[in-house]
Amino acid sequence: MAKVIQVILTDESRGTGKVDNPYRIVPQYWNFKGELLAEVDDFDPHVSQILSLNNRLGRVVAEKETLASLLKQVTAIQSGKRVMRINKARELVTEALENLKTPYEIHS
């Protein structure tokens, strides 16, 4: 049996705007006594949890890529410092050799 009745339809705002609780409009159906008869909230907390985990995973991947980039930069800087130290040592040895007035002699 079906029956046509009058109801009051309202729209309620819900959610915090975050991935795990997005903003949404929830239609609600009320009788004339002020009793809530039904509401239609399409929000699924399981889907929300998956989206939240996916968002976190995306941040972890981005942080990993950032850390890998920083590691490459640090390695390049360290390599550059090694090259600078080697070049400085080469300069010092060259300068010392040039400053020698007499050939090196072995004394017994």
C-alpha atoms as a PDB file:
ATOM      1  CA  MET A   1       0.000   0.000   0.000  1.00  0.00           C
ATOM      2  CA  ALA A   2       1.271   3.445  -0.862  1.00  0.00           C
ATOM      3  CA  LYS A   3       0.097   6.672   0.670  1.00  0.00           C
ATOM      4  CA  VAL A   4       0.778  10.289  -0.239  1.00  0.00           C
ATOM      5  CA  ILE A   5       1.603  12.461   2.763  1.00  0.00           C
ATOM      6  CA  GLN A   6       2.797  16.004   3.251  1.00  0.00           C
ATOM      7  CA  VAL A   7       6.285  16.512   4.674  1.00  0.00           C
ATOM      8  CA  ILE A   8       8.628  19.409   5.294  1.00  0.00           C
ATOM      9  CA  LEU A   9      11.859  19.239   3.295  1.00  0.00           C
ATOM     10  CA  THR A  10      14.930  21.033   4.692  1.00  0.00           C
ATOM     11  CA  ASP A  11      18.564  21.131   3.653  1.00  0.00           C
ATOM     12  CA  GLU A  12      21.151  20.865   6.413  1.00  0.00           C
ATOM     13  CA  SER A  13      24.801  21.869   5.934  1.00  0.00           C
ATOM     14  CA  ARG A  14      27.281  19.340   7.282  1.00  0.00           C
ATOM     15  CA  GLY A  15      30.993  18.705   7.296  1.00  0.00           C
ATOM     16  CA  THR A  16      34.178  20.486   8.220  1.00  0.00           C
ATOM     17  CA  GLY A  17      35.584  20.778   4.719  1.00  0.00           C
ATOM     18  CA  LYS A  18      38.369  18.300   5.380  1.00  0.00           C
ATOM     19  CA  VAL A  19      39.021  15.165   3.346  1.00  0.00           C
ATOM     20  CA  ASP A  20      37.593  12.933   6.066  1.00  0.00           C
ATOM     21  CA  ASN A  21      34.476  15.129   6.515  1.00  0.00           C
ATOM     22  CA  PRO A  22      33.705  17.188   3.391  1.00  0.00           C
ATOM     23  CA  TYR A  23      31.147  19.983   3.194  1.00  0.00           C
ATOM     24  CA  ARG A  24      27.807  18.706   1.948  1.00  0.00           C
ATOM     25  CA  ILE A  25      24.086  19.441   1.927  1.00  0.00           C
ATOM     26  CA  VAL A  26      21.878  16.780   3.528  1.00  0.00           C
ATOM     27  CA  PRO A  27      18.168  16.813   2.630  1.00  0.00           C
ATOM     28  CA  GLN A  28      15.935  16.050   5.618  1.00  0.00           C
ATOM     29  CA  TYR A  29      12.257  15.120   5.680  1.00  0.00           C
ATOM     30  CA  TRP A  30      10.153  16.179   8.707  1.00  0.00           C
ATOM     31  CA  ASN A  31       6.535  15.692   9.691  1.00  0.00           C
ATOM     32  CA  PHE A  32       4.359  18.545  10.976  1.00  0.00           C
ATOM     33  CA  LYS A  33       5.028  17.494  14.576  1.00  0.00           C
ATOM     34  CA  GLY A  34       8.727  18.366  14.112  1.00  0.00           C
ATOM     35  CA  GLU A  35       9.889  14.756  14.029  1.00  0.00           C
ATOM     36  CA  LEU A  36      12.678  13.805  11.634  1.00  0.00           C
ATOM     37  CA  LEU A  37      11.390  11.133   9.291  1.00  0.00           C
ATOM     38  CA  ALA A  38      14.422  10.607   7.072  1.00  0.00           C
ATOM     39  CA  GLU A  39      17.565  12.181   5.709  1.00  0.00           C
ATOM     40  CA  VAL A  40      19.756  11.459   2.698  1.00  0.00           C
ATOM     41  CA  ASP A  41      23.463  11.830   3.530  1.00  0.00           C
ATOM     42  CA  ASP A  42      25.593  10.463   0.692  1.00  0.00           C
ATOM     43  CA  PHE A  43      28.727  10.776   2.811  1.00  0.00           C
ATOM     44  CA  ASP A  44      30.391   7.396   3.312  1.00  0.00           C
ATOM     45  CA  PRO A  45      32.992   7.382   6.106  1.00  0.00           C
ATOM     46  CA  HIS A  46      34.743   4.380   4.532  1.00  0.00           C
ATOM     47  CA  VAL A  47      35.271   6.250   1.271  1.00  0.00           C
ATOM     48  CA  SER A  48      36.367   9.228   3.328  1.00  0.00           C
ATOM     49  CA  GLN A  49      38.943   7.120   5.160  1.00  0.00           C
ATOM     50  CA  ILE A  50      40.296   5.849   1.846  1.00  0.00           C
ATOM     51  CA  LEU A  51      40.521   9.421   0.531  1.00  0.00           C
ATOM     52  CA  SER A  52      42.239  10.520   3.721  1.00  0.00           C
ATOM     53  CA  LEU A  53      44.774   7.682   3.497  1.00  0.00           C
ATOM     54  CA  ASN A  54      45.327   8.454  -0.176  1.00  0.00           C
ATOM     55  CA  ASN A  55      45.948  12.101   0.722  1.00  0.00           C
ATOM     56  CA  ARG A  56      48.439  11.096   3.421  1.00  0.00           C
ATOM     57  CA  LEU A  57      50.172   8.712   1.024  1.00  0.00           C
ATOM     58  CA  GLY A  58      50.457  11.532  -1.506  1.00  0.00           C
ATOM     59  CA  ARG A  59      52.113  13.726   1.141  1.00  0.00           C
ATOM     60  CA  VAL A  60      54.536  10.919   2.101  1.00  0.00           C
ATOM     61  CA  VAL A  61      55.499  10.408  -1.559  1.00  0.00           C
ATOM     62  CA  ALA A  62      55.996  14.161  -1.994  1.00  0.00           C
ATOM     63  CA  GLU A  63      58.126  14.312   1.172  1.00  0.00           C
ATOM     64  CA  LYS A  64      60.172  11.326  -0.044  1.00  0.00           C
ATOM     65  CA  GLU A  65      60.773  13.064  -3.388  1.00  0.00           C
ATOM     66  CA  THR A  66      61.749  16.266  -1.579  1.00  0.00           C
ATOM     67  CA  LEU A  67      64.148  14.362   0.686  1.00  0.00           C
ATOM     68  CA  ALA A  68      65.680  12.581  -2.314  1.00  0.00           C
ATOM     69  CA  SER A  69      66.190  15.930  -4.022  1.00  0.00           C
ATOM     70  CA  LEU A  70      67.795  17.376  -0.886  1.00  0.00           C
ATOM     71  CA  LEU A  71      70.051  14.333  -0.601  1.00  0.00           C
ATOM     72  CA  LYS A  72      71.218  14.862  -4.191  1.00  0.00           C
ATOM     73  CA  GLN A  73      71.913  18.528  -3.438  1.00  0.00           C
ATOM     74  CA  VAL A  74      73.855  17.683  -0.267  1.00  0.00           C
ATOM     75  CA  THR A  75      75.843  15.020  -2.148  1.00  0.00           C
ATOM     76  CA  ALA A  76      76.643  17.520  -4.894  1.00  0.00           C
ATOM     77  CA  ILE A  77      77.743  20.084  -2.308  1.00  0.00           C
ATOM     78  CA  GLN A  78      79.900  17.498  -0.553  1.00  0.00           C
ATOM     79  CA  SER A  79      81.420  16.452  -3.883  1.00  0.00           C
ATOM     80  CA  GLY A  80      82.058  20.107  -4.665  1.00  0.00           C
ATOM     81  CA  LYS A  81      83.780  20.560  -1.294  1.00  0.00           C
ATOM     82  CA  ARG A  82      85.947  17.490  -1.958  1.00  0.00           C
ATOM     83  CA  VAL A  83      86.923  18.893  -5.324  1.00  0.00           C
ATOM     84  CA  MET A  84      87.669  22.246  -3.695  1.00  0.00           C
ATOM     85  CA  ARG A  85      89.841  20.546  -1.032  1.00  0.00           C
ATOM     86  CA  ILE A  86      91.684  18.540  -3.687  1.00  0.00           C
ATOM     87  CA  ASN A  87      92.224  21.674  -5.775  1.00  0.00           C
ATOM     88  CA  LYS A  88      93.426  23.569  -2.677  1.00  0.00           C
ATOM     89  CA  ALA A  89      95.839  20.744  -1.811  1.00  0.00           C
ATOM     90  CA  ARG A  90      97.088  20.702  -5.409  1.00  0.00           C
ATOM     91  CA  GLU A  91      97.631  24.477  -5.250  1.00  0.00           C
ATOM     92  CA  LEU A  92      99.543  24.161  -1.970  1.00  0.00           C
ATOM     93  CA  VAL A  93     101.756  21.380  -3.318  1.00  0.00           C
ATOM     94  CA  THR A  94     102.388  23.315  -6.529  1.00  0.00           C
ATOM     95  CA  GLU A  95     103.205  26.451  -4.555  1.00  0.00           C
ATOM     96  CA  ALA A  96     105.520  24.526  -2.238  1.00  0.00           C
ATOM     97  CA  LEU A  97     107.347  22.982  -5.215  1.00  0.00           C
ATOM     98  CA  GLU A  98     107.722  26.374  -6.861  1.00  0.00           C
ATOM     99  CA  ASN A  99     109.096  27.850  -3.638  1.00  0.00           C
ATOM    100  CA  LEU A 100     111.822  25.257  -3.424  1.00  0.00           C
ATOM    101  CA  LYS A 101     115.013  26.996  -4.355  1.00  0.00           C
ATOM    102  CA  THR A 102     117.143  23.885  -4.627  1.00  0.00           C
ATOM    103  CA  PRO A 103     116.277  20.414  -5.819  1.00  0.00           C
ATOM    104  CA  TYR A 104     115.344  17.970  -3.140  1.00  0.00           C
ATOM    105  CA  GLU A 105     118.394  16.065  -1.907  1.00  0.00           C
ATOM    106  CA  ILE A 106     118.548  12.915   0.183  1.00  0.00           C
ATOM    107  CA  HIS A 107     120.947  13.259   3.074  1.00  0.00           C
ATOM    108  CA  SER A 108     122.428  10.174   4.621  1.00  0.00           C
END
